[in-house]
Amino acid sequence: MNGLVLFAHGARDPRWAEPFQRLQQIVSMQHPQSKVVLAYLELMLPSLPDAVAALVAQGAKTINIVPLFLGPGAHLRQDFPVLLEGLRTQYPQLELTSLPALGESEALLNAIAEWITHALPHAPD
């Protein structure tokens, strides 16, 4: 089994997670061969280590982590590499990879810009 972890920051308000839960549903439909789960850096559960442990317990041999962060802040530059290295040490048999952060994708940034263009109220003629 393949695992796919959508890794977000987390927040105190549970409503914050709703778009990520919807994204999880969409990605699950697009990747039925993978078990798609959400994980959070802080304030929400499961944590990244807990999500990876659950996937390993279910038989995952390969896990891809998708950091759902727009900017390369301290969490991605400092916290995430430490978490990732700890997971690689804990599960040496696991093929564990990470995609780039969302903000590093030109395609995504262009999609957001296009959405903004279409969402703006049209100026009167």
Protein backbone atom coordinates (compact mmCIF):
# COMPACT_ATOMS: atom_id res chain seq x y z
CA MET A 1 0.00 0.00 0.00
CA ASN A 2 1.08 3.56 -0.71
CA GLY A 3 0.42 6.38 1.72
CA LEU A 4 -0.05 10.03 0.95
CA VAL A 5 0.06 12.52 3.82
CA LEU A 6 -1.34 16.00 3.34
CA PHE A 7 0.63 17.93 5.95
CA ALA A 8 -0.79 21.24 7.18
CA HIS A 9 -0.03 23.62 10.03
CA GLY A 10 -3.10 23.17 12.23
CA ALA A 11 -5.22 25.69 14.15
CA ARG A 12 -7.29 25.97 17.31
CA ASP A 13 -10.54 26.41 15.38
CA PRO A 14 -11.63 23.06 13.90
CA ARG A 15 -13.33 24.88 11.00
CA TRP A 16 -9.84 25.84 9.76
CA ALA A 17 -9.35 22.22 8.67
CA GLU A 18 -12.45 22.06 6.46
CA PRO A 19 -10.71 22.99 3.17
CA PHE A 20 -7.98 20.47 3.92
CA GLN A 21 -10.56 17.77 4.60
CA ARG A 22 -12.18 18.57 1.27
CA LEU A 23 -8.77 18.41 -0.40
CA GLN A 24 -8.23 15.01 1.22
CA GLN A 25 -11.50 13.78 -0.31
CA ILE A 26 -10.56 15.09 -3.76
CA VAL A 27 -7.05 13.61 -3.66
CA SER A 28 -8.43 10.29 -2.37
CA MET A 29 -10.78 10.10 -5.36
CA GLN A 30 -7.94 10.94 -7.76
CA HIS A 31 -5.51 8.44 -6.15
CA PRO A 32 -7.57 5.39 -5.17
CA GLN A 33 -4.41 3.27 -5.03
CA SER A 34 -3.16 5.32 -2.07
CA LYS A 35 -4.40 5.82 1.47
CA VAL A 36 -4.66 9.62 1.79
CA VAL A 37 -4.55 11.10 5.29
CA LEU A 38 -4.23 14.52 6.86
CA ALA A 39 -1.58 15.38 9.45
CA TYR A 40 -0.79 18.56 11.32
CA LEU A 41 2.32 20.24 12.64
CA GLU A 42 0.60 21.56 15.75
CA LEU A 43 -2.72 22.27 17.46
CA MET A 44 -4.62 19.47 15.66
CA LEU A 45 -4.42 15.71 15.39
CA PRO A 46 -3.01 13.53 14.05
CA SER A 47 0.56 14.73 14.15
CA LEU A 48 2.83 13.82 11.26
CA PRO A 49 4.59 11.06 13.26
CA ASP A 50 1.23 9.61 14.31
CA ALA A 51 -0.13 9.67 10.75
CA VAL A 52 3.00 7.95 9.41
CA ALA A 53 2.87 5.35 12.21
CA ALA A 54 -0.77 4.58 11.37
CA LEU A 55 0.04 4.16 7.67
CA VAL A 56 2.99 1.89 8.47
CA ALA A 57 0.75 -0.17 10.78
CA GLN A 58 -1.67 -0.55 7.85
CA GLY A 59 1.13 -1.87 5.64
CA ALA A 60 2.39 1.20 3.80
CA LYS A 61 5.78 0.67 2.19
CA THR A 62 5.92 4.06 0.47
CA ILE A 63 4.69 7.35 1.89
CA ASN A 64 4.71 10.71 0.14
CA ILE A 65 4.28 13.83 2.24
CA VAL A 66 2.73 16.93 0.70
CA PRO A 67 3.49 20.07 2.75
CA LEU A 68 0.42 22.29 2.43
CA PHE A 69 2.32 25.50 3.16
CA LEU A 70 2.47 28.47 0.79
CA GLY A 71 5.66 30.04 2.09
CA PRO A 72 8.97 28.53 3.14
CA GLY A 73 8.81 29.84 6.70
CA ALA A 74 10.58 28.51 9.76
CA HIS A 75 8.24 25.54 10.02
CA LEU A 76 9.30 24.25 6.61
CA ARG A 77 12.94 25.26 6.87
CA GLN A 78 13.54 24.13 10.45
CA ASP A 79 10.75 22.01 11.97
CA PHE A 80 9.77 19.86 8.99
CA PRO A 81 13.29 18.61 8.14
CA VAL A 82 13.76 17.50 11.76
CA LEU A 83 10.44 15.63 11.69
CA LEU A 84 11.27 14.04 8.35
CA GLU A 85 14.72 12.91 9.48
CA GLY A 86 13.25 11.45 12.66
CA LEU A 87 10.72 9.47 10.63
CA ARG A 88 13.42 8.19 8.28
CA THR A 89 15.46 7.05 11.29
CA GLN A 90 12.45 5.40 12.92
CA TYR A 91 11.34 3.65 9.71
CA PRO A 92 14.49 2.85 7.70
CA GLN A 93 12.57 0.31 5.60
CA LEU A 94 10.04 2.93 4.52
CA GLU A 95 10.37 4.84 1.27
CA LEU A 96 9.54 8.30 2.58
CA THR A 97 9.55 11.29 0.26
CA SER A 98 8.35 14.87 0.41
CA LEU A 99 6.97 17.04 -2.34
CA PRO A 100 7.89 20.73 -2.47
CA ALA A 101 5.72 23.18 -0.56
CA LEU A 102 2.65 24.50 -2.37
CA GLY A 103 4.16 27.94 -2.78
CA GLU A 104 7.01 26.51 -4.83
CA SER A 105 4.62 25.43 -7.59
CA GLU A 106 4.33 27.90 -10.47
CA ALA A 107 1.25 26.00 -11.67
CA LEU A 108 -0.47 26.51 -8.33
CA LEU A 109 0.50 30.18 -8.10
CA ASN A 110 -0.83 30.73 -11.61
CA ALA A 111 -4.06 28.91 -10.70
CA ILE A 112 -4.48 31.18 -7.66
CA ALA A 113 -3.82 34.26 -9.76
CA GLU A 114 -6.41 33.08 -12.31
CA TRP A 115 -8.92 32.47 -9.52
CA ILE A 116 -8.32 36.00 -8.20
CA THR A 117 -8.89 37.43 -11.68
CA HIS A 118 -12.20 35.58 -12.01
CA ALA A 119 -13.30 36.25 -8.42
CA LEU A 120 -12.79 40.01 -8.57
CA PRO A 121 -15.93 41.99 -9.28
CA HIS A 122 -16.00 43.07 -12.89
CA ALA A 123 -15.51 46.76 -13.49
CA PRO A 124 -18.50 48.45 -15.10
CA ASP A 125 -18.12 49.15 -18.81
